[in-house]
C-alpha atoms as a PDB file:
ATOM      1  CA  MET A   1      -9.224 -25.190  25.882  1.00  0.00           C
ATOM      2  CA  LYS A   2      -7.900 -22.652  23.563  1.00  0.00           C
ATOM      3  CA  PRO A   3      -7.796 -23.431  19.723  1.00  0.00           C
ATOM      4  CA  PRO A   4      -4.222 -23.887  18.476  1.00  0.00           C
ATOM      5  CA  VAL A   5      -2.511 -20.781  17.157  1.00  0.00           C
ATOM      6  CA  GLU A   6      -1.877 -20.693  13.507  1.00  0.00           C
ATOM      7  CA  ASP A   7       1.706 -20.860  12.782  1.00  0.00           C
ATOM      8  CA  THR A   8       2.088 -17.768  10.573  1.00  0.00           C
ATOM      9  CA  LYS A   9       5.526 -18.811   9.381  1.00  0.00           C
ATOM     10  CA  GLN A  10       4.066 -21.791   7.696  1.00  0.00           C
ATOM     11  CA  SER A  11       1.089 -20.133   6.050  1.00  0.00           C
ATOM     12  CA  PRO A  12       1.983 -19.278   2.315  1.00  0.00           C
ATOM     13  CA  ILE A  13       0.318 -15.939   2.629  1.00  0.00           C
ATOM     14  CA  PHE A  14       2.652 -14.720   5.310  1.00  0.00           C
ATOM     15  CA  LYS A  15       5.708 -15.821   3.401  1.00  0.00           C
ATOM     16  CA  THR A  16       5.164 -13.077   0.962  1.00  0.00           C
ATOM     17  CA  LYS A  17       7.016  -9.895   1.460  1.00  0.00           C
ATOM     18  CA  GLU A  18       5.933  -6.329   0.711  1.00  0.00           C
ATOM     19  CA  LYS A  19       8.182  -5.888  -2.448  1.00  0.00           C
ATOM     20  CA  PRO A  20       6.442  -8.354  -4.727  1.00  0.00           C
ATOM     21  CA  VAL A  21       3.044  -6.930  -3.866  1.00  0.00           C
ATOM     22  CA  GLU A  22       4.200  -3.286  -4.455  1.00  0.00           C
ATOM     23  CA  LYS A  23       6.021  -4.316  -7.694  1.00  0.00           C
ATOM     24  CA  THR A  24       2.846  -5.875  -9.091  1.00  0.00           C
ATOM     25  CA  GLY A  25       0.565  -3.015  -8.024  1.00  0.00           C
ATOM     26  CA  THR A  26       2.960  -0.480  -9.365  1.00  0.00           C
ATOM     27  CA  ALA A  27       3.390  -2.417 -12.696  1.00  0.00           C
ATOM     28  CA  TYR A  28      -0.535  -2.499 -13.065  1.00  0.00           C
ATOM     29  CA  ALA A  29      -0.601   1.374 -12.508  1.00  0.00           C
ATOM     30  CA  GLN A  30       2.139   1.961 -15.015  1.00  0.00           C
ATOM     31  CA  SER A  31       0.281  -0.222 -17.595  1.00  0.00           C
ATOM     32  CA  LYS A  32      -2.686   2.313 -17.073  1.00  0.00           C
ATOM     33  CA  GLY A  33      -0.516   5.167 -17.784  1.00  0.00           C
ATOM     34  CA  TRP A  34       0.305   6.382 -14.311  1.00  0.00           C
ATOM     35  CA  LEU A  35       3.620   8.018 -13.445  1.00  0.00           C
ATOM     36  CA  VAL A  36       5.003   6.376 -10.450  1.00  0.00           C
ATOM     37  CA  TYR A  37       7.691   7.601  -7.888  1.00  0.00           C
ATOM     38  CA  LYS A  38       9.075   6.256  -4.533  1.00  0.00           C
ATOM     39  CA  PHE A  39       7.967   8.933  -1.956  1.00  0.00           C
ATOM     40  CA  VAL A  40      10.797   9.777   0.353  1.00  0.00           C
ATOM     41  CA  SER A  41      10.348  12.857   2.472  1.00  0.00           C
ATOM     42  CA  PRO A  42      13.442  13.599   4.832  1.00  0.00           C
ATOM     43  CA  GLY A  43      12.122  14.726   8.230  1.00  0.00           C
ATOM     44  CA  ASN A  44       8.635  13.360   7.547  1.00  0.00           C
ATOM     45  CA  ALA A  45       8.821   9.607   8.791  1.00  0.00           C
ATOM     46  CA  GLY A  46       5.704   7.649   7.856  1.00  0.00           C
ATOM     47  CA  VAL A  47       4.773   9.030   4.354  1.00  0.00           C
ATOM     48  CA  PRO A  48       3.259   6.522   1.932  1.00  0.00           C
ATOM     49  CA  ASP A  49       5.715   4.235  -0.082  1.00  0.00           C
ATOM     50  CA  ARG A  50       4.675   5.425  -3.474  1.00  0.00           C
ATOM     51  CA  VAL A  51       3.081   8.370  -5.269  1.00  0.00           C
ATOM     52  CA  TYR A  52       1.134   7.892  -8.534  1.00  0.00           C
ATOM     53  CA  PHE A  53       0.106  10.581 -10.978  1.00  0.00           C
ATOM     54  CA  ARG A  54      -2.196  10.642 -13.961  1.00  0.00           C
ATOM     55  CA  GLU A  55      -4.319  13.181 -15.790  1.00  0.00           C
ATOM     56  CA  GLY A  56      -4.207  15.630 -12.786  1.00  0.00           C
ATOM     57  CA  LYS A  57      -4.930  13.057 -10.255  1.00  0.00           C
ATOM     58  CA  CYS A  58      -2.526  11.945  -7.392  1.00  0.00           C
ATOM     59  CA  VAL A  59      -2.735   8.674  -5.395  1.00  0.00           C
ATOM     60  CA  LEU A  60      -0.450   7.741  -2.485  1.00  0.00           C
ATOM     61  CA  VAL A  61      -0.083   4.062  -1.501  1.00  0.00           C
ATOM     62  CA  GLU A  62       1.474   2.401   1.573  1.00  0.00           C
ATOM     63  CA  TRP A  63       2.123  -1.168   0.586  1.00  0.00           C
ATOM     64  CA  LYS A  64       2.190  -3.841   3.284  1.00  0.00           C
ATOM     65  CA  ARG A  65       3.012  -7.437   2.970  1.00  0.00           C
ATOM     66  CA  PRO A  66      -0.150  -9.634   2.920  1.00  0.00           C
ATOM     67  CA  SER A  67      -1.759 -10.286   6.187  1.00  0.00           C
ATOM     68  CA  LYS A  68      -5.137 -10.889   7.714  1.00  0.00           C
ATOM     69  CA  ASN A  69      -5.298  -7.352   9.310  1.00  0.00           C
ATOM     70  CA  PRO A  70      -2.843  -4.963   7.627  1.00  0.00           C
ATOM     71  CA  LYS A  71      -2.050  -1.940   9.813  1.00  0.00           C
ATOM     72  CA  ALA A  72      -0.124   1.129   9.319  1.00  0.00           C
ATOM     73  CA  LYS A  73       2.294   2.145  12.104  1.00  0.00           C
ATOM     74  CA  LYS A  74       1.331   4.981  14.407  1.00  0.00           C
ATOM     75  CA  ARG A  75       3.533   7.445  12.533  1.00  0.00           C
ATOM     76  CA  GLN A  76       2.247   6.330   9.235  1.00  0.00           C
ATOM     77  CA  GLU A  77      -1.413   6.628  10.380  1.00  0.00           C
ATOM     78  CA  MET A  78      -0.674  10.274  11.401  1.00  0.00           C
ATOM     79  CA  GLN A  79       0.896  11.105   8.011  1.00  0.00           C
ATOM     80  CA  HIS A  80      -1.824   9.242   6.232  1.00  0.00           C
ATOM     81  CA  ASN A  81      -4.558  11.181   7.984  1.00  0.00           C
ATOM     82  CA  ARG A  82      -2.686  14.581   7.470  1.00  0.00           C
ATOM     83  CA  LEU A  83      -2.611  13.904   3.635  1.00  0.00           C
ATOM     84  CA  ARG A  84      -6.150  12.942   3.723  1.00  0.00           C
ATOM     85  CA  ARG A  85      -7.194  16.132   5.331  1.00  0.00           C
ATOM     86  CA  ALA A  86      -5.257  18.031   2.566  1.00  0.00           C
ATOM     87  CA  GLY A  87      -7.495  16.284   0.039  1.00  0.00           C
ATOM     88  CA  MET A  88      -5.187  13.457  -1.036  1.00  0.00           C
ATOM     89  CA  ALA A  89      -6.368   9.893  -1.837  1.00  0.00           C
ATOM     90  CA  VAL A  90      -4.283   7.652   0.455  1.00  0.00           C
ATOM     91  CA  TYR A  91      -4.493   3.771   0.447  1.00  0.00           C
ATOM     92  CA  LEU A  92      -2.890   1.044   2.506  1.00  0.00           C
ATOM     93  CA  LEU A  93      -2.826  -2.057   0.473  1.00  0.00           C
ATOM     94  CA  ASP A  94      -1.484  -5.544   1.198  1.00  0.00           C
ATOM     95  CA  ASP A  95      -2.998  -7.194  -1.963  1.00  0.00           C
ATOM     96  CA  ALA A  96      -2.301  -6.463  -5.720  1.00  0.00           C
ATOM     97  CA  HIS A  97      -5.519  -8.273  -6.850  1.00  0.00           C
ATOM     98  CA  PRO A  98      -6.414  -6.828 -10.283  1.00  0.00           C
ATOM     99  CA  ALA A  99     -10.078  -6.174  -9.173  1.00  0.00           C
ATOM    100  CA  LEU A 100      -8.713  -4.147  -6.353  1.00  0.00           C
ATOM    101  CA  LEU A 101      -6.122  -2.244  -8.334  1.00  0.00           C
ATOM    102  CA  SER A 102      -8.748  -1.467 -11.000  1.00  0.00           C
ATOM    103  CA  MET A 103     -10.962   0.444  -8.445  1.00  0.00           C
ATOM    104  CA  ILE A 104      -7.928   2.695  -7.738  1.00  0.00           C
ATOM    105  CA  PHE A 105      -6.135   3.052 -11.005  1.00  0.00           C
ATOM    106  CA  ASP A 106      -8.703   2.553 -13.749  1.00  0.00           C
END
């Protein structure tokens, strides 16, 4: 007999949308002196959501809603890998925990 499947709609973590996580992470980065821009690149679907700049550094972040296994879409993975090959720091984040953010933005 299979164990019951967890109803993700009832779990509080899955009720959280991407926007609050992105907003919290972005506010943290700004409090540390990072310049933040929404990254939109016409004709290049799948680029990360935000680009962060500080002291000659550039960090790109794809924000996802909280989940047990956050995944980028295939097009996003392709763009992220392309940016990494160009030497960029690219992160896929579904959590705005201060300890995690401090490893990236401090």
